Amino acid sequence: MQSFSAAIIGLGQSLGLKVIAEGVEKRSHLEMLAKLKCDEAQGYLFAKPLFEEDFIEYARATRYWPNGLCAQYGEQKETPSYSMAG
């Protein structure tokens, strides 16, 4: 699994793409992806799928509130950018 993931991440990044791993469910998966320098990840480890209203509430209550969404919803809130890449 790790060699397959490394190949996919390497291929995407060699093409100049940002690689986002989907379906991350365990902390060990996230740690492996971080070691492989995967750019970002999403999955049940972070949150279950949510309707828009539920997502907005969740995002406001956590650190996952990108600046672009703040402007869209009329809020001015500085948040750091989160990425797996160092």
PDB file of N, CA and C in Angstrom:
ATOM      1  N   MET A   1       0.814  -1.195   0.000  1.00  0.00           N
ATOM      2  CA  MET A   1       0.000   0.000   0.000  1.00  0.00           C
ATOM      3  C   MET A   1       0.858   1.260   0.000  1.00  0.00           C
ATOM      4  N   GLN A   2       1.913   1.256   0.802  1.00  0.00           N
ATOM      5  CA  GLN A   2       2.762   2.437   0.894  1.00  0.00           C
ATOM      6  C   GLN A   2       3.479   2.705  -0.423  1.00  0.00           C
ATOM      7  N   SER A   3       3.950   1.671  -1.108  1.00  0.00           N
ATOM      8  CA  SER A   3       4.654   1.898  -2.373  1.00  0.00           C
ATOM      9  C   SER A   3       3.692   2.408  -3.452  1.00  0.00           C
ATOM     10  N   PHE A   4       2.465   1.919  -3.448  1.00  0.00           N
ATOM     11  CA  PHE A   4       1.459   2.412  -4.391  1.00  0.00           C
ATOM     12  C   PHE A   4       1.151   3.878  -4.107  1.00  0.00           C
ATOM     13  N   SER A   5       0.950   4.213  -2.843  1.00  0.00           N
ATOM     14  CA  SER A   5       0.676   5.600  -2.460  1.00  0.00           C
ATOM     15  C   SER A   5       1.839   6.507  -2.841  1.00  0.00           C
ATOM     16  N   ALA A   6       3.053   6.051  -2.591  1.00  0.00           N
ATOM     17  CA  ALA A   6       4.236   6.843  -2.934  1.00  0.00           C
ATOM     18  C   ALA A   6       4.302   7.098  -4.437  1.00  0.00           C
ATOM     19  N   ALA A   7       3.970   6.085  -5.229  1.00  0.00           N
ATOM     20  CA  ALA A   7       3.998   6.235  -6.689  1.00  0.00           C
ATOM     21  C   ALA A   7       2.961   7.256  -7.161  1.00  0.00           C
ATOM     22  N   ILE A   8       1.754   7.178  -6.627  1.00  0.00           N
ATOM     23  CA  ILE A   8       0.694   8.102  -7.024  1.00  0.00           C
ATOM     24  C   ILE A   8       1.037   9.531  -6.604  1.00  0.00           C
ATOM     25  N   ILE A   9       1.514   9.691  -5.376  1.00  0.00           N
ATOM     26  CA  ILE A   9       1.896  11.020  -4.887  1.00  0.00           C
ATOM     27  C   ILE A   9       3.027  11.586  -5.743  1.00  0.00           C
ATOM     28  N   GLY A  10       4.027  10.772  -6.006  1.00  0.00           N
ATOM     29  CA  GLY A  10       5.155  11.206  -6.827  1.00  0.00           C
ATOM     30  C   GLY A  10       4.734  11.589  -8.240  1.00  0.00           C
ATOM     31  N   LEU A  11       3.859  10.805  -8.835  1.00  0.00           N
ATOM     32  CA  LEU A  11       3.377  11.093 -10.180  1.00  0.00           C
ATOM     33  C   LEU A  11       2.642  12.427 -10.212  1.00  0.00           C
ATOM     34  N   GLY A  12       1.704  12.604  -9.295  1.00  0.00           N
ATOM     35  CA  GLY A  12       0.948  13.855  -9.255  1.00  0.00           C
ATOM     36  C   GLY A  12       1.845  15.061  -9.062  1.00  0.00           C
ATOM     37  N   GLN A  13       2.751  14.983  -8.116  1.00  0.00           N
ATOM     38  CA  GLN A  13       3.622  16.117  -7.836  1.00  0.00           C
ATOM     39  C   GLN A  13       4.600  16.371  -8.976  1.00  0.00           C
ATOM     40  N   SER A  14       5.033  15.314  -9.668  1.00  0.00           N
ATOM     41  CA  SER A  14       5.939  15.516 -10.803  1.00  0.00           C
ATOM     42  C   SER A  14       5.234  16.226 -11.956  1.00  0.00           C
ATOM     43  N   LEU A  15       3.914  16.157 -11.977  1.00  0.00           N
ATOM     44  CA  LEU A  15       3.124  16.865 -12.984  1.00  0.00           C
ATOM     45  C   LEU A  15       2.725  18.261 -12.515  1.00  0.00           C
ATOM     46  N   GLY A  16       3.215  18.640 -11.350  1.00  0.00           N
ATOM     47  CA  GLY A  16       2.929  19.965 -10.812  1.00  0.00           C
ATOM     48  C   GLY A  16       1.558  20.083 -10.169  1.00  0.00           C
ATOM     49  N   LEU A  17       0.983  18.949  -9.789  1.00  0.00           N
ATOM     50  CA  LEU A  17      -0.343  18.949  -9.181  1.00  0.00           C
ATOM     51  C   LEU A  17      -0.259  18.884  -7.666  1.00  0.00           C
ATOM     52  N   LYS A  18      -1.256  19.431  -6.999  1.00  0.00           N
ATOM     53  CA  LYS A  18      -1.394  19.272  -5.556  1.00  0.00           C
ATOM     54  C   LYS A  18      -2.110  17.939  -5.346  1.00  0.00           C
ATOM     55  N   VAL A  19      -1.554  17.074  -4.534  1.00  0.00           N
ATOM     56  CA  VAL A  19      -2.110  15.743  -4.318  1.00  0.00           C
ATOM     57  C   VAL A  19      -2.917  15.730  -3.018  1.00  0.00           C
ATOM     58  N   ILE A  20      -4.177  15.292  -3.129  1.00  0.00           N
ATOM     59  CA  ILE A  20      -5.065  15.198  -1.973  1.00  0.00           C
ATOM     60  C   ILE A  20      -5.474  13.740  -1.807  1.00  0.00           C
ATOM     61  N   ALA A  21      -5.133  13.155  -0.679  1.00  0.00           N
ATOM     62  CA  ALA A  21      -5.506  11.766  -0.398  1.00  0.00           C
ATOM     63  C   ALA A  21      -6.934  11.733   0.124  1.00  0.00           C
ATOM     64  N   GLU A  22      -7.745  10.873  -0.433  1.00  0.00           N
ATOM     65  CA  GLU A  22      -9.131  10.716   0.004  1.00  0.00           C
ATOM     66  C   GLU A  22      -9.281   9.433   0.805  1.00  0.00           C
ATOM     67  N   GLY A  23     -10.269   9.416   1.679  1.00  0.00           N
ATOM     68  CA  GLY A  23     -10.577   8.202   2.424  1.00  0.00           C
ATOM     69  C   GLY A  23      -9.674   7.928   3.600  1.00  0.00           C
ATOM     70  N   VAL A  24      -9.055   8.963   4.155  1.00  0.00           N
ATOM     71  CA  VAL A  24      -8.164   8.783   5.305  1.00  0.00           C
ATOM     72  C   VAL A  24      -9.024   8.551   6.538  1.00  0.00           C
ATOM     73  N   GLU A  25      -8.907   7.375   7.121  1.00  0.00           N
ATOM     74  CA  GLU A  25      -9.739   7.004   8.267  1.00  0.00           C
ATOM     75  C   GLU A  25      -8.950   6.788   9.553  1.00  0.00           C
ATOM     76  N   LYS A  26      -7.663   6.536   9.445  1.00  0.00           N
ATOM     77  CA  LYS A  26      -6.860   6.238  10.631  1.00  0.00           C
ATOM     78  C   LYS A  26      -5.669   7.179  10.724  1.00  0.00           C
ATOM     79  N   ARG A  27      -5.284   7.463  11.961  1.00  0.00           N
ATOM     80  CA  ARG A  27      -4.118   8.319  12.203  1.00  0.00           C
ATOM     81  C   ARG A  27      -2.871   7.733  11.534  1.00  0.00           C
ATOM     82  N   SER A  28      -2.744   6.423  11.528  1.00  0.00           N
ATOM     83  CA  SER A  28      -1.574   5.793  10.903  1.00  0.00           C
ATOM     84  C   SER A  28      -1.528   6.078   9.406  1.00  0.00           C
ATOM     85  N   HIS A  29      -2.697   6.155   8.762  1.00  0.00           N
ATOM     86  CA  HIS A  29      -2.737   6.504   7.332  1.00  0.00           C
ATOM     87  C   HIS A  29      -2.235   7.927   7.131  1.00  0.00           C
ATOM     88  N   LEU A  30      -2.702   8.833   7.977  1.00  0.00           N
ATOM     89  CA  LEU A  30      -2.284  10.229   7.876  1.00  0.00           C
ATOM     90  C   LEU A  30      -0.781  10.368   8.091  1.00  0.00           C
ATOM     91  N   GLU A  31      -0.254   9.651   9.066  1.00  0.00           N
ATOM     92  CA  GLU A  31       1.187   9.704   9.336  1.00  0.00           C
ATOM     93  C   GLU A  31       1.989   9.188   8.161  1.00  0.00           C
ATOM     94  N   MET A  32       1.528   8.094   7.522  1.00  0.00           N
ATOM     95  CA  MET A  32       2.215   7.563   6.349  1.00  0.00           C
ATOM     96  C   MET A  32       2.190   8.583   5.209  1.00  0.00           C
ATOM     97  N   LEU A  33       1.024   9.195   4.979  1.00  0.00           N
ATOM     98  CA  LEU A  33       0.898  10.187   3.911  1.00  0.00           C
ATOM     99  C   LEU A  33       1.793  11.389   4.163  1.00  0.00           C
ATOM    100  N   ALA A  34       1.907  11.804   5.417  1.00  0.00           N
ATOM    101  CA  ALA A  34       2.785  12.922   5.758  1.00  0.00           C
ATOM    102  C   ALA A  34       4.243  12.566   5.460  1.00  0.00           C
ATOM    103  N   LYS A  35       4.650  11.342   5.787  1.00  0.00           N
ATOM    104  CA  LYS A  35       6.018  10.899   5.493  1.00  0.00           C
ATOM    105  C   LYS A  35       6.282  10.871   3.999  1.00  0.00           C
ATOM    106  N   LEU A  36       5.238  10.591   3.223  1.00  0.00           N
ATOM    107  CA  LEU A  36       5.370  10.540   1.760  1.00  0.00           C
ATOM    108  C   LEU A  36       5.224  11.923   1.125  1.00  0.00           C
ATOM    109  N   LYS A  37       5.051  12.949   1.959  1.00  0.00           N
ATOM    110  CA  LYS A  37       4.929  14.341   1.516  1.00  0.00           C
ATOM    111  C   LYS A  37       3.670  14.594   0.685  1.00  0.00           C
ATOM    112  N   CYS A  38       2.587  13.897   1.025  1.00  0.00           N
ATOM    113  CA  CYS A  38       1.305  14.161   0.392  1.00  0.00           C
ATOM    114  C   CYS A  38       0.866  15.574   0.806  1.00  0.00           C
ATOM    115  N   ASP A  39       0.281  16.316  -0.121  1.00  0.00           N
ATOM    116  CA  ASP A  39      -0.044  17.715   0.148  1.00  0.00           C
ATOM    117  C   ASP A  39      -1.186  17.891   1.149  1.00  0.00           C
ATOM    118  N   GLU A  40      -2.273  17.154   0.960  1.00  0.00           N
ATOM    119  CA  GLU A  40      -3.433  17.289   1.835  1.00  0.00           C
ATOM    120  C   GLU A  40      -4.166  15.967   1.924  1.00  0.00           C
ATOM    121  N   ALA A  41      -5.101  15.877   2.867  1.00  0.00           N
ATOM    122  CA  ALA A  41      -5.866  14.645   3.048  1.00  0.00           C
ATOM    123  C   ALA A  41      -7.285  14.981   3.489  1.00  0.00           C
ATOM    124  N   GLN A  42      -8.191  14.075   3.179  1.00  0.00           N
ATOM    125  CA  GLN A  42      -9.569  14.219   3.643  1.00  0.00           C
ATOM    126  C   GLN A  42     -10.121  12.837   3.937  1.00  0.00           C
ATOM    127  N   GLY A  43     -11.119  12.778   4.783  1.00  0.00           N
ATOM    128  CA  GLY A  43     -11.742  11.505   5.108  1.00  0.00           C
ATOM    129  C   GLY A  43     -12.376  11.526   6.485  1.00  0.00           C
ATOM    130  N   TYR A  44     -12.883  10.371   6.895  1.00  0.00           N
ATOM    131  CA  TYR A  44     -13.584  10.252   8.170  1.00  0.00           C
ATOM    132  C   TYR A  44     -12.705  10.581   9.367  1.00  0.00           C
ATOM    133  N   LEU A  45     -11.396  10.505   9.224  1.00  0.00           N
ATOM    134  CA  LEU A  45     -10.521  10.894  10.337  1.00  0.00           C
ATOM    135  C   LEU A  45     -10.792  12.342  10.738  1.00  0.00           C
ATOM    136  N   PHE A  46     -11.127  13.163   9.770  1.00  0.00           N
ATOM    137  CA  PHE A  46     -11.365  14.586  10.018  1.00  0.00           C
ATOM    138  C   PHE A  46     -12.831  14.886  10.290  1.00  0.00           C
ATOM    139  N   ALA A  47     -13.725  14.323   9.489  1.00  0.00           N
ATOM    140  CA  ALA A  47     -15.161  14.558   9.661  1.00  0.00           C
ATOM    141  C   ALA A  47     -15.934  13.675   8.699  1.00  0.00           C
ATOM    142  N   LYS A  48     -17.151  13.345   9.081  1.00  0.00           N
ATOM    143  CA  LYS A  48     -18.042  12.612   8.184  1.00  0.00           C
ATOM    144  C   LYS A  48     -18.588  13.598   7.148  1.00  0.00           C
ATOM    145  N   PRO A  49     -19.169  13.118   6.061  1.00  0.00           N
ATOM    146  CA  PRO A  49     -19.784  14.029   5.090  1.00  0.00           C
ATOM    147  C   PRO A  49     -20.892  14.848   5.760  1.00  0.00           C
ATOM    148  N   LEU A  50     -20.955  16.126   5.419  1.00  0.00           N
ATOM    149  CA  LEU A  50     -21.914  17.026   6.052  1.00  0.00           C
ATOM    150  C   LEU A  50     -22.682  17.828   5.010  1.00  0.00           C
ATOM    151  N   PHE A  51     -23.921  18.168   5.343  1.00  0.00           N
ATOM    152  CA  PHE A  51     -24.670  19.126   4.532  1.00  0.00           C
ATOM    153  C   PHE A  51     -24.033  20.494   4.721  1.00  0.00           C
ATOM    154  N   GLU A  52     -24.287  21.416   3.802  1.00  0.00           N
ATOM    155  CA  GLU A  52     -23.649  22.729   3.832  1.00  0.00           C
ATOM    156  C   GLU A  52     -23.809  23.423   5.185  1.00  0.00           C
ATOM    157  N   GLU A  53     -25.018  23.480   5.706  1.00  0.00           N
ATOM    158  CA  GLU A  53     -25.249  24.173   6.974  1.00  0.00           C
ATOM    159  C   GLU A  53     -24.474  23.529   8.115  1.00  0.00           C
ATOM    160  N   ASP A  54     -24.446  22.203   8.123  1.00  0.00           N
ATOM    161  CA  ASP A  54     -23.709  21.480   9.163  1.00  0.00           C
ATOM    162  C   ASP A  54     -22.207  21.700   9.018  1.00  0.00           C
ATOM    163  N   PHE A  55     -21.738  21.750   7.756  1.00  0.00           N
ATOM    164  CA  PHE A  55     -20.318  21.993   7.530  1.00  0.00           C
ATOM    165  C   PHE A  55     -19.911  23.371   8.039  1.00  0.00           C
ATOM    166  N   ILE A  56     -20.723  24.372   7.750  1.00  0.00           N
ATOM    167  CA  ILE A  56     -20.406  25.732   8.193  1.00  0.00           C
ATOM    168  C   ILE A  56     -20.306  25.779   9.715  1.00  0.00           C
ATOM    169  N   GLU A  57     -21.247  25.155  10.395  1.00  0.00           N
ATOM    170  CA  GLU A  57     -21.218  25.103  11.861  1.00  0.00           C
ATOM    171  C   GLU A  57     -19.965  24.372  12.349  1.00  0.00           C
ATOM    172  N   TYR A  58     -19.656  23.240  11.721  1.00  0.00           N
ATOM    173  CA  TYR A  58     -18.464  22.465  12.090  1.00  0.00           C
ATOM    174  C   TYR A  58     -17.198  23.283  11.858  1.00  0.00           C
ATOM    175  N   ALA A  59     -17.113  23.916  10.703  1.00  0.00           N
ATOM    176  CA  ALA A  59     -15.914  24.682  10.366  1.00  0.00           C
ATOM    177  C   ALA A  59     -15.711  25.845  11.332  1.00  0.00           C
ATOM    178  N   ARG A  60     -16.779  26.495  11.710  1.00  0.00           N
ATOM    179  CA  ARG A  60     -16.664  27.610  12.661  1.00  0.00           C
ATOM    180  C   ARG A  60     -16.207  27.136  14.033  1.00  0.00           C
ATOM    181  N   ALA A  61     -16.559  25.922  14.393  1.00  0.00           N
ATOM    182  CA  ALA A  61     -16.232  25.391  15.719  1.00  0.00           C
ATOM    183  C   ALA A  61     -14.841  24.769  15.780  1.00  0.00           C
ATOM    184  N   THR A  62     -14.198  24.615  14.639  1.00  0.00           N
ATOM    185  CA  THR A  62     -12.876  23.985  14.585  1.00  0.00           C
ATOM    186  C   THR A  62     -11.873  24.905  13.926  1.00  0.00           C
ATOM    187  N   ARG A  63     -10.680  24.414  13.759  1.00  0.00           N
ATOM    188  CA  ARG A  63      -9.640  25.203  13.093  1.00  0.00           C
ATOM    189  C   ARG A  63      -9.758  25.155  11.578  1.00  0.00           C
ATOM    190  N   TYR A  64     -10.672  24.359  11.046  1.00  0.00           N
ATOM    191  CA  TYR A  64     -10.800  24.193   9.608  1.00  0.00           C
ATOM    192  C   TYR A  64     -11.750  25.229   9.027  1.00  0.00           C
ATOM    193  N   TRP A  65     -11.318  26.460   8.976  1.00  0.00           N
ATOM    194  CA  TRP A  65     -12.160  27.538   8.448  1.00  0.00           C
ATOM    195  C   TRP A  65     -11.296  28.396   7.538  1.00  0.00           C
ATOM    196  N   PRO A  66     -11.184  28.019   6.257  1.00  0.00           N
ATOM    197  CA  PRO A  66     -10.305  28.754   5.326  1.00  0.00           C
ATOM    198  C   PRO A  66     -10.744  30.202   5.153  1.00  0.00           C
ATOM    199  N   ASN A  67      -9.796  31.074   4.912  1.00  0.00           N
ATOM    200  CA  ASN A  67     -10.081  32.498   4.754  1.00  0.00           C
ATOM    201  C   ASN A  67     -11.088  32.770   3.648  1.00  0.00           C
ATOM    202  N   GLY A  68     -11.070  32.031   2.564  1.00  0.00           N
ATOM    203  CA  GLY A  68     -12.019  32.235   1.477  1.00  0.00           C
ATOM    204  C   GLY A  68     -13.453  32.052   1.931  1.00  0.00           C
ATOM    205  N   LEU A  69     -13.698  31.085   2.804  1.00  0.00           N
ATOM    206  CA  LEU A  69     -15.049  30.877   3.315  1.00  0.00           C
ATOM    207  C   LEU A  69     -15.466  32.003   4.240  1.00  0.00           C
ATOM    208  N   CYS A  70     -14.515  32.559   4.975  1.00  0.00           N
ATOM    209  CA  CYS A  70     -14.849  33.660   5.878  1.00  0.00           C
ATOM    210  C   CYS A  70     -15.420  34.823   5.084  1.00  0.00           C
ATOM    211  N   ALA A  71     -14.763  35.178   3.992  1.00  0.00           N
ATOM    212  CA  ALA A  71     -15.227  36.300   3.179  1.00  0.00           C
ATOM    213  C   ALA A  71     -16.593  35.981   2.569  1.00  0.00           C
ATOM    214  N   GLN A  72     -16.769  34.745   2.125  1.00  0.00           N
ATOM    215  CA  GLN A  72     -18.026  34.347   1.500  1.00  0.00           C
ATOM    216  C   GLN A  72     -19.193  34.457   2.469  1.00  0.00           C
ATOM    217  N   TYR A  73     -18.955  34.178   3.731  1.00  0.00           N
ATOM    218  CA  TYR A  73     -20.027  34.199   4.719  1.00  0.00           C
ATOM    219  C   TYR A  73     -19.991  35.451   5.598  1.00  0.00           C
ATOM    220  N   GLY A  74     -19.270  36.475   5.138  1.00  0.00           N
ATOM    221  CA  GLY A  74     -19.309  37.768   5.798  1.00  0.00           C
ATOM    222  C   GLY A  74     -18.550  37.858   7.099  1.00  0.00           C
ATOM    223  N   GLU A  75     -17.569  37.028   7.291  1.00  0.00           N
ATOM    224  CA  GLU A  75     -16.787  37.080   8.522  1.00  0.00           C
ATOM    225  C   GLU A  75     -15.347  37.408   8.192  1.00  0.00           C
ATOM    226  N   GLN A  76     -14.725  38.145   9.034  1.00  0.00           N
ATOM    227  CA  GLN A  76     -13.313  38.441   8.900  1.00  0.00           C
ATOM    228  C   GLN A  76     -12.585  37.706  10.019  1.00  0.00           C
ATOM    229  N   LYS A  77     -11.933  36.642   9.684  1.00  0.00           N
ATOM    230  CA  LYS A  77     -11.287  35.805  10.687  1.00  0.00           C
ATOM    231  C   LYS A  77      -9.986  35.294  10.098  1.00  0.00           C
ATOM    232  N   GLU A  78      -8.887  35.595  10.718  1.00  0.00           N
ATOM    233  CA  GLU A  78      -7.604  35.113  10.237  1.00  0.00           C
ATOM    234  C   GLU A  78      -7.376  33.686  10.726  1.00  0.00           C
ATOM    235  N   THR A  79      -7.121  32.798   9.809  1.00  0.00           N
ATOM    236  CA  THR A  79      -6.810  31.423  10.171  1.00  0.00           C
ATOM    237  C   THR A  79      -5.563  30.997   9.429  1.00  0.00           C
ATOM    238  N   PRO A  80      -4.733  30.185  10.035  1.00  0.00           N
ATOM    239  CA  PRO A  80      -3.550  29.708   9.329  1.00  0.00           C
ATOM    240  C   PRO A  80      -3.952  28.723   8.250  1.00  0.00           C
ATOM    241  N   SER A  81      -3.095  28.593   7.256  1.00  0.00           N
ATOM    242  CA  SER A  81      -3.322  27.623   6.198  1.00  0.00           C
ATOM    243  C   SER A  81      -2.856  26.251   6.698  1.00  0.00           C
ATOM    244  N   TYR A  82      -3.668  25.227   6.497  1.00  0.00           N
ATOM    245  CA  TYR A  82      -3.308  23.894   6.946  1.00  0.00           C
ATOM    246  C   TYR A  82      -2.924  23.036   5.770  1.00  0.00           C
ATOM    247  N   SER A  83      -1.792  22.413   5.876  1.00  0.00           N
ATOM    248  CA  SER A  83      -1.288  21.559   4.827  1.00  0.00           C
ATOM    249  C   SER A  83      -0.415  20.501   5.456  1.00  0.00           C
ATOM    250  N   MET A  84      -0.331  19.362   4.830  1.00  0.00           N
ATOM    251  CA  MET A  84       0.528  18.304   5.346  1.00  0.00           C
ATOM    252  C   MET A  84       1.967  18.547   4.960  1.00  0.00           C
ATOM    253  N   ALA A  85       2.210  19.307   3.907  1.00  0.00           N
ATOM    254  CA  ALA A  85       3.573  19.575   3.457  1.00  0.00           C
ATOM    255  C   ALA A  85       4.215  20.577   4.387  1.00  0.00           C
ATOM    256  N   GLY A  86       5.454  20.319   4.755  1.00  0.00           N
ATOM    257  CA  GLY A  86       6.145  21.177   5.699  1.00  0.00           C
ATOM    258  C   GLY A  86       6.595  22.392   5.064  1.00  0.00           C
TER     259      GLY A  86
END
